[in-house]
Amino acid sequence: MKDLPKTGFAERLSAQAEAKRAMLAKFKPKPTVQAETLESRAEARARELEAVRAARAAAREEARRKAEEEMEAEMALKRELRKERKALTKAEQKAKRDARYAARKARQR
């Protein structure tokens, strides 16, 4: 083991003060260099949030547009079916009317 030299009270006090100064220097705030275009966390978060909101709005708009297209296709199909039913009904009515006229003419003869 190494034999430490005998030091006096004044030397121990100065060593203690020096150690205390060194310890305090470690906790002192250090000057920082900041980039000129550094954006704050709040600004970055707001930008990201806006991007997410825009993406969600675009997805909602796309879903609404697809739903409208499907509804329009369904309505067009219903219109076609209704037109066919009307055409058949008109044909049936015409056939009945022609049959009545033919029956009337047959009775008149």
PDB file of N, CA and C in Angstrom:
ATOM      1  N   MET A   1       0.837  -1.168   0.000  1.00  0.00           N
ATOM      2  CA  MET A   1       0.000   0.000   0.000  1.00  0.00           C
ATOM      3  C   MET A   1       0.888   1.238   0.000  1.00  0.00           C
ATOM      4  N   LYS A   2       0.444   2.250  -0.670  1.00  0.00           N
ATOM      5  CA  LYS A   2       1.217   3.478  -0.812  1.00  0.00           C
ATOM      6  C   LYS A   2       1.056   4.324   0.444  1.00  0.00           C
ATOM      7  N   ASP A   3       2.100   4.879   0.871  1.00  0.00           N
ATOM      8  CA  ASP A   3       2.070   5.715   2.062  1.00  0.00           C
ATOM      9  C   ASP A   3       1.803   7.158   1.636  1.00  0.00           C
ATOM     10  N   LEU A   4       0.699   7.722   2.053  1.00  0.00           N
ATOM     11  CA  LEU A   4       0.336   9.083   1.674  1.00  0.00           C
ATOM     12  C   LEU A   4       1.166  10.082   2.470  1.00  0.00           C
ATOM     13  N   PRO A   5       1.568  11.180   1.804  1.00  0.00           N
ATOM     14  CA  PRO A   5       2.343  12.188   2.553  1.00  0.00           C
ATOM     15  C   PRO A   5       1.440  12.897   3.550  1.00  0.00           C
ATOM     16  N   LYS A   6       2.031  13.277   4.634  1.00  0.00           N
ATOM     17  CA  LYS A   6       1.273  13.980   5.671  1.00  0.00           C
ATOM     18  C   LYS A   6       1.022  15.415   5.207  1.00  0.00           C
ATOM     19  N   THR A   7      -0.276  15.779   5.190  1.00  0.00           N
ATOM     20  CA  THR A   7      -0.630  17.119   4.752  1.00  0.00           C
ATOM     21  C   THR A   7      -1.229  17.866   5.917  1.00  0.00           C
ATOM     22  N   GLY A   8      -1.117  19.168   5.844  1.00  0.00           N
ATOM     23  CA  GLY A   8      -1.631  19.990   6.912  1.00  0.00           C
ATOM     24  C   GLY A   8      -3.106  20.327   6.698  1.00  0.00           C
ATOM     25  N   PHE A   9      -3.682  20.956   7.725  1.00  0.00           N
ATOM     26  CA  PHE A   9      -5.104  21.302   7.695  1.00  0.00           C
ATOM     27  C   PHE A   9      -5.430  22.260   6.557  1.00  0.00           C
ATOM     28  N   ALA A  10      -4.606  23.248   6.323  1.00  0.00           N
ATOM     29  CA  ALA A  10      -4.832  24.256   5.277  1.00  0.00           C
ATOM     30  C   ALA A  10      -4.810  23.605   3.900  1.00  0.00           C
ATOM     31  N   GLU A  11      -3.908  22.653   3.698  1.00  0.00           N
ATOM     32  CA  GLU A  11      -3.846  21.968   2.399  1.00  0.00           C
ATOM     33  C   GLU A  11      -5.092  21.125   2.158  1.00  0.00           C
ATOM     34  N   ARG A  12      -5.550  20.464   3.229  1.00  0.00           N
ATOM     35  CA  ARG A  12      -6.782  19.666   3.078  1.00  0.00           C
ATOM     36  C   ARG A  12      -7.982  20.546   2.761  1.00  0.00           C
ATOM     37  N   LEU A  13      -8.072  21.728   3.391  1.00  0.00           N
ATOM     38  CA  LEU A  13      -9.183  22.650   3.112  1.00  0.00           C
ATOM     39  C   LEU A  13      -9.142  23.136   1.669  1.00  0.00           C
ATOM     40  N   SER A  14      -7.956  23.480   1.184  1.00  0.00           N
ATOM     41  CA  SER A  14      -7.856  23.965  -0.195  1.00  0.00           C
ATOM     42  C   SER A  14      -8.176  22.832  -1.177  1.00  0.00           C
ATOM     43  N   ALA A  15      -7.766  21.595  -0.868  1.00  0.00           N
ATOM     44  CA  ALA A  15      -8.089  20.460  -1.737  1.00  0.00           C
ATOM     45  C   ALA A  15      -9.603  20.219  -1.758  1.00  0.00           C
ATOM     46  N   GLN A  16     -10.225  20.364  -0.590  1.00  0.00           N
ATOM     47  CA  GLN A  16     -11.675  20.183  -0.501  1.00  0.00           C
ATOM     48  C   GLN A  16     -12.386  21.262  -1.309  1.00  0.00           C
ATOM     49  N   ALA A  17     -11.929  22.514  -1.203  1.00  0.00           N
ATOM     50  CA  ALA A  17     -12.549  23.610  -1.953  1.00  0.00           C
ATOM     51  C   ALA A  17     -12.375  23.391  -3.446  1.00  0.00           C
ATOM     52  N   GLU A  18     -11.197  22.905  -3.853  1.00  0.00           N
ATOM     53  CA  GLU A  18     -10.938  22.638  -5.271  1.00  0.00           C
ATOM     54  C   GLU A  18     -11.858  21.513  -5.784  1.00  0.00           C
ATOM     55  N   ALA A  19     -12.047  20.495  -4.984  1.00  0.00           N
ATOM     56  CA  ALA A  19     -12.923  19.381  -5.377  1.00  0.00           C
ATOM     57  C   ALA A  19     -14.373  19.856  -5.491  1.00  0.00           C
ATOM     58  N   LYS A  20     -14.764  20.718  -4.571  1.00  0.00           N
ATOM     59  CA  LYS A  20     -16.131  21.243  -4.602  1.00  0.00           C
ATOM     60  C   LYS A  20     -16.348  22.087  -5.848  1.00  0.00           C
ATOM     61  N   ARG A  21     -15.349  22.920  -6.213  1.00  0.00           N
ATOM     62  CA  ARG A  21     -15.455  23.728  -7.431  1.00  0.00           C
ATOM     63  C   ARG A  21     -15.543  22.839  -8.667  1.00  0.00           C
ATOM     64  N   ALA A  22     -14.770  21.780  -8.699  1.00  0.00           N
ATOM     65  CA  ALA A  22     -14.790  20.862  -9.837  1.00  0.00           C
ATOM     66  C   ALA A  22     -16.160  20.174  -9.947  1.00  0.00           C
ATOM     67  N   MET A  23     -16.732  19.785  -8.794  1.00  0.00           N
ATOM     68  CA  MET A  23     -18.040  19.138  -8.786  1.00  0.00           C
ATOM     69  C   MET A  23     -19.119  20.104  -9.279  1.00  0.00           C
ATOM     70  N   LEU A  24     -19.075  21.342  -8.823  1.00  0.00           N
ATOM     71  CA  LEU A  24     -20.065  22.335  -9.252  1.00  0.00           C
ATOM     72  C   LEU A  24     -19.922  22.656 -10.737  1.00  0.00           C
ATOM     73  N   ALA A  25     -18.700  22.633 -11.237  1.00  0.00           N
ATOM     74  CA  ALA A  25     -18.463  22.935 -12.652  1.00  0.00           C
ATOM     75  C   ALA A  25     -19.114  21.879 -13.540  1.00  0.00           C
ATOM     76  N   LYS A  26     -19.201  20.625 -13.050  1.00  0.00           N
ATOM     77  CA  LYS A  26     -19.841  19.573 -13.834  1.00  0.00           C
ATOM     78  C   LYS A  26     -21.328  19.858 -14.052  1.00  0.00           C
ATOM     79  N   PHE A  27     -21.960  20.485 -13.066  1.00  0.00           N
ATOM     80  CA  PHE A  27     -23.401  20.733 -13.144  1.00  0.00           C
ATOM     81  C   PHE A  27     -23.772  22.065 -13.782  1.00  0.00           C
ATOM     82  N   LYS A  28     -22.783  22.871 -14.078  1.00  0.00           N
ATOM     83  CA  LYS A  28     -23.050  24.160 -14.713  1.00  0.00           C
ATOM     84  C   LYS A  28     -23.600  23.934 -16.109  1.00  0.00           C
ATOM     85  N   PRO A  29     -24.602  24.717 -16.529  1.00  0.00           N
ATOM     86  CA  PRO A  29     -25.127  24.539 -17.888  1.00  0.00           C
ATOM     87  C   PRO A  29     -24.081  24.923 -18.917  1.00  0.00           C
ATOM     88  N   LYS A  30     -23.984  24.087 -19.925  1.00  0.00           N
ATOM     89  CA  LYS A  30     -22.990  24.328 -20.978  1.00  0.00           C
ATOM     90  C   LYS A  30     -23.650  25.072 -22.131  1.00  0.00           C
ATOM     91  N   PRO A  31     -22.931  25.963 -22.765  1.00  0.00           N
ATOM     92  CA  PRO A  31     -23.527  26.688 -23.902  1.00  0.00           C
ATOM     93  C   PRO A  31     -23.771  25.700 -25.054  1.00  0.00           C
ATOM     94  N   THR A  32     -24.926  25.832 -25.665  1.00  0.00           N
ATOM     95  CA  THR A  32     -25.270  24.938 -26.779  1.00  0.00           C
ATOM     96  C   THR A  32     -25.308  25.707 -28.081  1.00  0.00           C
ATOM     97  N   VAL A  33     -24.990  25.018 -29.143  1.00  0.00           N
ATOM     98  CA  VAL A  33     -25.054  25.599 -30.478  1.00  0.00           C
ATOM     99  C   VAL A  33     -26.323  25.070 -31.125  1.00  0.00           C
ATOM    100  N   GLN A  34     -27.198  25.978 -31.505  1.00  0.00           N
ATOM    101  CA  GLN A  34     -28.464  25.568 -32.112  1.00  0.00           C
ATOM    102  C   GLN A  34     -28.442  25.895 -33.594  1.00  0.00           C
ATOM    103  N   ALA A  35     -29.038  25.016 -34.346  1.00  0.00           N
ATOM    104  CA  ALA A  35     -29.153  25.262 -35.786  1.00  0.00           C
ATOM    105  C   ALA A  35     -30.133  26.406 -36.004  1.00  0.00           C
ATOM    106  N   GLU A  36     -29.937  27.130 -37.096  1.00  0.00           N
ATOM    107  CA  GLU A  36     -30.801  28.282 -37.364  1.00  0.00           C
ATOM    108  C   GLU A  36     -32.230  27.868 -37.681  1.00  0.00           C
ATOM    109  N   THR A  37     -32.399  26.722 -38.340  1.00  0.00           N
ATOM    110  CA  THR A  37     -33.739  26.304 -38.751  1.00  0.00           C
ATOM    111  C   THR A  37     -34.284  25.180 -37.866  1.00  0.00           C
ATOM    112  N   LEU A  38     -33.825  25.114 -36.641  1.00  0.00           N
ATOM    113  CA  LEU A  38     -34.304  24.083 -35.731  1.00  0.00           C
ATOM    114  C   LEU A  38     -35.761  24.357 -35.398  1.00  0.00           C
ATOM    115  N   GLU A  39     -36.583  23.320 -35.567  1.00  0.00           N
ATOM    116  CA  GLU A  39     -38.001  23.507 -35.298  1.00  0.00           C
ATOM    117  C   GLU A  39     -38.310  22.899 -33.933  1.00  0.00           C
ATOM    118  N   SER A  40     -39.172  23.558 -33.220  1.00  0.00           N
ATOM    119  CA  SER A  40     -39.468  23.091 -31.876  1.00  0.00           C
ATOM    120  C   SER A  40     -40.290  21.806 -31.929  1.00  0.00           C
ATOM    121  N   ARG A  41     -40.316  21.115 -30.825  1.00  0.00           N
ATOM    122  CA  ARG A  41     -41.078  19.864 -30.763  1.00  0.00           C
ATOM    123  C   ARG A  41     -42.560  20.117 -31.007  1.00  0.00           C
ATOM    124  N   ALA A  42     -43.063  21.202 -30.461  1.00  0.00           N
ATOM    125  CA  ALA A  42     -44.480  21.527 -30.637  1.00  0.00           C
ATOM    126  C   ALA A  42     -44.802  21.762 -32.113  1.00  0.00           C
ATOM    127  N   GLU A  43     -43.910  22.465 -32.805  1.00  0.00           N
ATOM    128  CA  GLU A  43     -44.139  22.715 -34.234  1.00  0.00           C
ATOM    129  C   GLU A  43     -44.084  21.414 -35.027  1.00  0.00           C
ATOM    130  N   ALA A  44     -43.120  20.550 -34.702  1.00  0.00           N
ATOM    131  CA  ALA A  44     -43.006  19.273 -35.407  1.00  0.00           C
ATOM    132  C   ALA A  44     -44.230  18.413 -35.147  1.00  0.00           C
ATOM    133  N   ARG A  45     -44.673  18.373 -33.912  1.00  0.00           N
ATOM    134  CA  ARG A  45     -45.856  17.580 -33.566  1.00  0.00           C
ATOM    135  C   ARG A  45     -47.097  18.137 -34.255  1.00  0.00           C
ATOM    136  N   ALA A  46     -47.226  19.463 -34.300  1.00  0.00           N
ATOM    137  CA  ALA A  46     -48.374  20.077 -34.965  1.00  0.00           C
ATOM    138  C   ALA A  46     -48.357  19.756 -36.458  1.00  0.00           C
ATOM    139  N   ARG A  47     -47.177  19.774 -37.057  1.00  0.00           N
ATOM    140  CA  ARG A  47     -47.053  19.457 -38.479  1.00  0.00           C
ATOM    141  C   ARG A  47     -47.441  17.995 -38.736  1.00  0.00           C
ATOM    142  N   GLU A  48     -46.934  17.091 -37.892  1.00  0.00           N
ATOM    143  CA  GLU A  48     -47.272  15.677 -38.043  1.00  0.00           C
ATOM    144  C   GLU A  48     -48.771  15.439 -37.837  1.00  0.00           C
ATOM    145  N   LEU A  49     -49.333  16.115 -36.844  1.00  0.00           N
ATOM    146  CA  LEU A  49     -50.758  15.976 -36.558  1.00  0.00           C
ATOM    147  C   LEU A  49     -51.590  16.459 -37.743  1.00  0.00           C
ATOM    148  N   GLU A  50     -51.188  17.545 -38.346  1.00  0.00           N
ATOM    149  CA  GLU A  50     -51.898  18.067 -39.515  1.00  0.00           C
ATOM    150  C   GLU A  50     -51.819  17.082 -40.670  1.00  0.00           C
ATOM    151  N   ALA A  51     -50.657  16.453 -40.848  1.00  0.00           N
ATOM    152  CA  ALA A  51     -50.506  15.460 -41.920  1.00  0.00           C
ATOM    153  C   ALA A  51     -51.410  14.261 -41.677  1.00  0.00           C
ATOM    154  N   VAL A  52     -51.497  13.816 -40.430  1.00  0.00           N
ATOM    155  CA  VAL A  52     -52.371  12.678 -40.099  1.00  0.00           C
ATOM    156  C   VAL A  52     -53.824  13.051 -40.336  1.00  0.00           C
ATOM    157  N   ARG A  53     -54.204  14.246 -39.912  1.00  0.00           N
ATOM    158  CA  ARG A  53     -55.592  14.688 -40.112  1.00  0.00           C
ATOM    159  C   ARG A  53     -55.927  14.787 -41.588  1.00  0.00           C
ATOM    160  N   ALA A  54     -54.997  15.291 -42.393  1.00  0.00           N
ATOM    161  CA  ALA A  54     -55.242  15.404 -43.828  1.00  0.00           C
ATOM    162  C   ALA A  54     -55.388  14.022 -44.452  1.00  0.00           C
ATOM    163  N   ALA A  55     -54.561  13.068 -44.018  1.00  0.00           N
ATOM    164  CA  ALA A  55     -54.663  11.705 -44.553  1.00  0.00           C
ATOM    165  C   ALA A  55     -55.997  11.078 -44.181  1.00  0.00           C
ATOM    166  N   ARG A  56     -56.430  11.275 -42.947  1.00  0.00           N
ATOM    167  CA  ARG A  56     -57.725  10.728 -42.517  1.00  0.00           C
ATOM    168  C   ARG A  56     -58.867  11.376 -43.276  1.00  0.00           C
ATOM    169  N   ALA A  57     -58.788  12.678 -43.490  1.00  0.00           N
ATOM    170  CA  ALA A  57     -59.845  13.368 -44.237  1.00  0.00           C
ATOM    171  C   ALA A  57     -59.897  12.855 -45.675  1.00  0.00           C
ATOM    172  N   ALA A  58     -58.733  12.622 -46.269  1.00  0.00           N
ATOM    173  CA  ALA A  58     -58.700  12.091 -47.638  1.00  0.00           C
ATOM    174  C   ALA A  58     -59.302  10.693 -47.684  1.00  0.00           C
ATOM    175  N   ALA A  59     -59.007   9.881 -46.677  1.00  0.00           N
ATOM    176  CA  ALA A  59     -59.570   8.521 -46.631  1.00  0.00           C
ATOM    177  C   ALA A  59     -61.083   8.572 -46.469  1.00  0.00           C
ATOM    178  N   ARG A  60     -61.572   9.480 -45.608  1.00  0.00           N
ATOM    179  CA  ARG A  60     -63.028   9.628 -45.425  1.00  0.00           C
ATOM    180  C   ARG A  60     -63.683  10.076 -46.723  1.00  0.00           C
ATOM    181  N   GLU A  61     -63.061  11.022 -47.413  1.00  0.00           N
ATOM    182  CA  GLU A  61     -63.615  11.532 -48.668  1.00  0.00           C
ATOM    183  C   GLU A  61     -63.657  10.418 -49.715  1.00  0.00           C
ATOM    184  N   GLU A  62     -62.610   9.608 -49.773  1.00  0.00           N
ATOM    185  CA  GLU A  62     -62.556   8.497 -50.730  1.00  0.00           C
ATOM    186  C   GLU A  62     -63.657   7.479 -50.415  1.00  0.00           C
ATOM    187  N   ALA A  63     -63.846   7.174 -49.135  1.00  0.00           N
ATOM    188  CA  ALA A  63     -64.891   6.228 -48.739  1.00  0.00           C
ATOM    189  C   ALA A  63     -66.275   6.785 -49.080  1.00  0.00           C
ATOM    190  N   ARG A  64     -66.472   8.085 -48.852  1.00  0.00           N
ATOM    191  CA  ARG A  64     -67.768   8.704 -49.165  1.00  0.00           C
ATOM    192  C   ARG A  64     -68.019   8.671 -50.668  1.00  0.00           C
ATOM    193  N   ARG A  65     -66.974   8.935 -51.455  1.00  0.00           N
ATOM    194  CA  ARG A  65     -67.120   8.937 -52.901  1.00  0.00           C
ATOM    195  C   ARG A  65     -67.463   7.535 -53.415  1.00  0.00           C
ATOM    196  N   LYS A  66     -66.795   6.521 -52.866  1.00  0.00           N
ATOM    197  CA  LYS A  66     -67.085   5.148 -53.275  1.00  0.00           C
ATOM    198  C   LYS A  66     -68.511   4.764 -52.908  1.00  0.00           C
ATOM    199  N   ALA A  67     -68.949   5.163 -51.720  1.00  0.00           N
ATOM    200  CA  ALA A  67     -70.316   4.862 -51.288  1.00  0.00           C
ATOM    201  C   ALA A  67     -71.325   5.532 -52.214  1.00  0.00           C
ATOM    202  N   GLU A  68     -71.037   6.780 -52.598  1.00  0.00           N
ATOM    203  CA  GLU A  68     -71.946   7.481 -53.519  1.00  0.00           C
ATOM    204  C   GLU A  68     -71.984   6.782 -54.873  1.00  0.00           C
ATOM    205  N   GLU A  69     -70.830   6.328 -55.364  1.00  0.00           N
ATOM    206  CA  GLU A  69     -70.793   5.629 -56.650  1.00  0.00           C
ATOM    207  C   GLU A  69     -71.595   4.337 -56.582  1.00  0.00           C
ATOM    208  N   GLU A  70     -71.445   3.600 -55.470  1.00  0.00           N
ATOM    209  CA  GLU A  70     -72.197   2.352 -55.310  1.00  0.00           C
ATOM    210  C   GLU A  70     -73.691   2.639 -55.251  1.00  0.00           C
ATOM    211  N   MET A  71     -74.052   3.709 -54.520  1.00  0.00           N
ATOM    212  CA  MET A  71     -75.463   4.052 -54.404  1.00  0.00           C
ATOM    213  C   MET A  71     -76.016   4.453 -55.770  1.00  0.00           C
ATOM    214  N   GLU A  72     -75.237   5.193 -56.524  1.00  0.00           N
ATOM    215  CA  GLU A  72     -75.675   5.616 -57.851  1.00  0.00           C
ATOM    216  C   GLU A  72     -75.851   4.404 -58.771  1.00  0.00           C
ATOM    217  N   ALA A  73     -74.922   3.442 -58.689  1.00  0.00           N
ATOM    218  CA  ALA A  73     -75.038   2.226 -59.500  1.00  0.00           C
ATOM    219  C   ALA A  73     -76.283   1.440 -59.101  1.00  0.00           C
ATOM    220  N   GLU A  74     -76.537   1.374 -57.809  1.00  0.00           N
ATOM    221  CA  GLU A  74     -77.725   0.666 -57.324  1.00  0.00           C
ATOM    222  C   GLU A  74     -78.999   1.357 -57.809  1.00  0.00           C
ATOM    223  N   MET A  75     -79.015   2.673 -57.763  1.00  0.00           N
ATOM    224  CA  MET A  75     -80.197   3.428 -58.225  1.00  0.00           C
ATOM    225  C   MET A  75     -80.397   3.214 -59.728  1.00  0.00           C
ATOM    226  N   ALA A  76     -79.306   3.193 -60.506  1.00  0.00           N
ATOM    227  CA  ALA A  76     -79.419   2.968 -61.944  1.00  0.00           C
ATOM    228  C   ALA A  76     -79.997   1.579 -62.220  1.00  0.00           C
ATOM    229  N   LEU A  77     -79.572   0.594 -61.469  1.00  0.00           N
ATOM    230  CA  LEU A  77     -80.103  -0.762 -61.621  1.00  0.00           C
ATOM    231  C   LEU A  77     -81.590  -0.794 -61.293  1.00  0.00           C
ATOM    232  N   LYS A  78     -81.976  -0.124 -60.216  1.00  0.00           N
ATOM    233  CA  LYS A  78     -83.396  -0.069 -59.843  1.00  0.00           C
ATOM    234  C   LYS A  78     -84.204   0.623 -60.937  1.00  0.00           C
ATOM    235  N   ARG A  79     -83.660   1.696 -61.512  1.00  0.00           N
ATOM    236  CA  ARG A  79     -84.375   2.391 -62.597  1.00  0.00           C
ATOM    237  C   ARG A  79     -84.587   1.462 -63.784  1.00  0.00           C
ATOM    238  N   GLU A  80     -83.539   0.724 -64.141  1.00  0.00           N
ATOM    239  CA  GLU A  80     -83.648  -0.199 -65.273  1.00  0.00           C
ATOM    240  C   GLU A  80     -84.706  -1.264 -65.000  1.00  0.00           C
ATOM    241  N   LEU A  81     -84.702  -1.799 -63.789  1.00  0.00           N
ATOM    242  CA  LEU A  81     -85.700  -2.816 -63.445  1.00  0.00           C
ATOM    243  C   LEU A  81     -87.106  -2.233 -63.493  1.00  0.00           C
ATOM    244  N   ARG A  82     -87.265  -1.012 -63.009  1.00  0.00           N
ATOM    245  CA  ARG A  82     -88.575  -0.366 -63.024  1.00  0.00           C
ATOM    246  C   ARG A  82     -89.028  -0.125 -64.463  1.00  0.00           C
ATOM    247  N   LYS A  83     -88.106   0.288 -65.336  1.00  0.00           N
ATOM    248  CA  LYS A  83     -88.446   0.498 -66.750  1.00  0.00           C
ATOM    249  C   LYS A  83     -88.887  -0.809 -67.388  1.00  0.00           C
ATOM    250  N   GLU A  84     -88.169  -1.897 -67.060  1.00  0.00           N
ATOM    251  CA  GLU A  84     -88.550  -3.189 -67.617  1.00  0.00           C
ATOM    252  C   GLU A  84     -89.937  -3.603 -67.139  1.00  0.00           C
ATOM    253  N   ARG A  85     -90.199  -3.415 -65.840  1.00  0.00           N
ATOM    254  CA  ARG A  85     -91.523  -3.753 -65.304  1.00  0.00           C
ATOM    255  C   ARG A  85     -92.603  -2.933 -65.977  1.00  0.00           C
ATOM    256  N   LYS A  86     -92.340  -1.644 -66.156  1.00  0.00           N
ATOM    257  CA  LYS A  86     -93.332  -0.787 -66.813  1.00  0.00           C
ATOM    258  C   LYS A  86     -93.563  -1.238 -68.245  1.00  0.00           C
ATOM    259  N   ALA A  87     -92.482  -1.570 -68.941  1.00  0.00           N
ATOM    260  CA  ALA A  87     -92.624  -2.020 -70.329  1.00  0.00           C
ATOM    261  C   ALA A  87     -93.438  -3.303 -70.382  1.00  0.00           C
ATOM    262  N   LEU A  88     -93.175  -4.235 -69.475  1.00  0.00           N
ATOM    263  CA  LEU A  88     -93.947  -5.474 -69.438  1.00  0.00           C
ATOM    264  C   LEU A  88     -95.408  -5.185 -69.095  1.00  0.00           C
ATOM    265  N   THR A  89     -95.627  -4.313 -68.146  1.00  0.00           N
ATOM    266  CA  THR A  89     -96.991  -3.963 -67.759  1.00  0.00           C
ATOM    267  C   THR A  89     -97.726  -3.335 -68.935  1.00  0.00           C
ATOM    268  N   LYS A  90     -97.051  -2.433 -69.639  1.00  0.00           N
ATOM    269  CA  LYS A  90     -97.681  -1.804 -70.808  1.00  0.00           C
ATOM    270  C   LYS A  90     -97.979  -2.842 -71.876  1.00  0.00           C
ATOM    271  N   ALA A  91     -97.057  -3.774 -72.080  1.00  0.00           N
ATOM    272  CA  ALA A  91     -97.291  -4.818 -73.078  1.00  0.00           C
ATOM    273  C   ALA A  91     -98.463  -5.692 -72.666  1.00  0.00           C
ATOM    274  N   GLU A  92     -98.523  -6.035 -71.380  1.00  0.00           N
ATOM    275  CA  GLU A  92     -99.649  -6.837 -70.893  1.00  0.00           C
ATOM    276  C   GLU A  92    -100.963  -6.078 -71.052  1.00  0.00           C
ATOM    277  N   GLN A  93    -100.939  -4.800 -70.693  1.00  0.00           N
ATOM    278  CA  GLN A  93    -102.156  -3.997 -70.832  1.00  0.00           C
ATOM    279  C   GLN A  93    -102.577  -3.905 -72.286  1.00  0.00           C
ATOM    280  N   LYS A  94    -101.621  -3.729 -73.187  1.00  0.00           N
ATOM    281  CA  LYS A  94    -101.942  -3.645 -74.608  1.00  0.00           C
ATOM    282  C   LYS A  94    -102.519  -4.974 -75.090  1.00  0.00           C
ATOM    283  N   ALA A  95    -101.945  -6.077 -74.622  1.00  0.00           N
ATOM    284  CA  ALA A  95    -102.450  -7.391 -75.026  1.00  0.00           C
ATOM    285  C   ALA A  95    -103.874  -7.583 -74.532  1.00  0.00           C
ATOM    286  N   LYS A  96    -104.166  -7.180 -73.297  1.00  0.00           N
ATOM    287  CA  LYS A  96    -105.532  -7.295 -72.765  1.00  0.00           C
ATOM    288  C   LYS A  96    -106.493  -6.414 -73.554  1.00  0.00           C
ATOM    289  N   ARG A  97    -106.049  -5.202 -73.845  1.00  0.00           N
ATOM    290  CA  ARG A  97    -106.888  -4.264 -74.591  1.00  0.00           C
ATOM    291  C   ARG A  97    -107.166  -4.815 -75.996  1.00  0.00           C
ATOM    292  N   ASP A  98    -106.145  -5.325 -76.637  1.00  0.00           N
ATOM    293  CA  ASP A  98    -106.325  -5.914 -77.968  1.00  0.00           C
ATOM    294  C   ASP A  98    -107.275  -7.103 -77.905  1.00  0.00           C
ATOM    295  N   ALA A  99    -107.153  -7.884 -76.832  1.00  0.00           N
ATOM    296  CA  ALA A  99    -108.055  -9.041 -76.681  1.00  0.00           C
ATOM    297  C   ALA A  99    -109.488  -8.568 -76.502  1.00  0.00           C
ATOM    298  N   ARG A 100    -109.695  -7.500 -75.743  1.00  0.00           N
ATOM    299  CA  ARG A 100    -111.057  -6.960 -75.556  1.00  0.00           C
ATOM    300  C   ARG A 100    -111.622  -6.449 -76.881  1.00  0.00           C
ATOM    301  N   TYR A 101    -110.782  -5.702 -77.607  1.00  0.00           N
ATOM    302  CA  TYR A 101    -111.226  -5.189 -78.903  1.00  0.00           C
ATOM    303  C   TYR A 101    -111.575  -6.349 -79.845  1.00  0.00           C
ATOM    304  N   ALA A 102    -110.737  -7.374 -79.835  1.00  0.00           N
ATOM    305  CA  ALA A 102    -110.982  -8.522 -80.704  1.00  0.00           C
ATOM    306  C   ALA A 102    -112.265  -9.228 -80.298  1.00  0.00           C
ATOM    307  N   ALA A 103    -112.485  -9.323 -78.966  1.00  0.00           N
ATOM    308  CA  ALA A 103    -113.717  -9.976 -78.483  1.00  0.00           C
ATOM    309  C   ALA A 103    -114.920  -9.137 -78.867  1.00  0.00           C
ATOM    310  N   ARG A 104    -114.808  -7.827 -78.762  1.00  0.00           N
ATOM    311  CA  ARG A 104    -115.920  -6.938 -79.100  1.00  0.00           C
ATOM    312  C   ARG A 104    -116.240  -7.041 -80.601  1.00  0.00           C
ATOM    313  N   LYS A 105    -115.196  -7.056 -81.402  1.00  0.00           N
ATOM    314  CA  LYS A 105    -115.397  -7.155 -82.836  1.00  0.00           C
ATOM    315  C   LYS A 105    -116.020  -8.504 -83.188  1.00  0.00           C
ATOM    316  N   ALA A 106    -115.590  -9.546 -82.476  1.00  0.00           N
ATOM    317  CA  ALA A 106    -116.127 -10.866 -82.740  1.00  0.00           C
ATOM    318  C   ALA A 106    -117.593 -10.915 -82.365  1.00  0.00           C
ATOM    319  N   ARG A 107    -118.017 -10.224 -81.321  1.00  0.00           N
ATOM    320  CA  ARG A 107    -119.429 -10.199 -80.922  1.00  0.00           C
ATOM    321  C   ARG A 107    -120.249  -9.387 -81.915  1.00  0.00           C
ATOM    322  N   GLN A 108    -119.669  -8.351 -82.444  1.00  0.00           N
ATOM    323  CA  GLN A 108    -120.397  -7.499 -83.376  1.00  0.00           C
ATOM    324  C   GLN A 108    -120.636  -8.227 -84.684  1.00  0.00           C
ATOM    325  N   ARG A 109    -119.951  -9.158 -85.088  1.00  0.00           N
ATOM    326  CA  ARG A 109    -120.116  -9.837 -86.362  1.00  0.00           C
ATOM    327  C   ARG A 109    -121.157 -10.857 -86.294  1.00  0.00           C
TER     328      ARG A 109
END
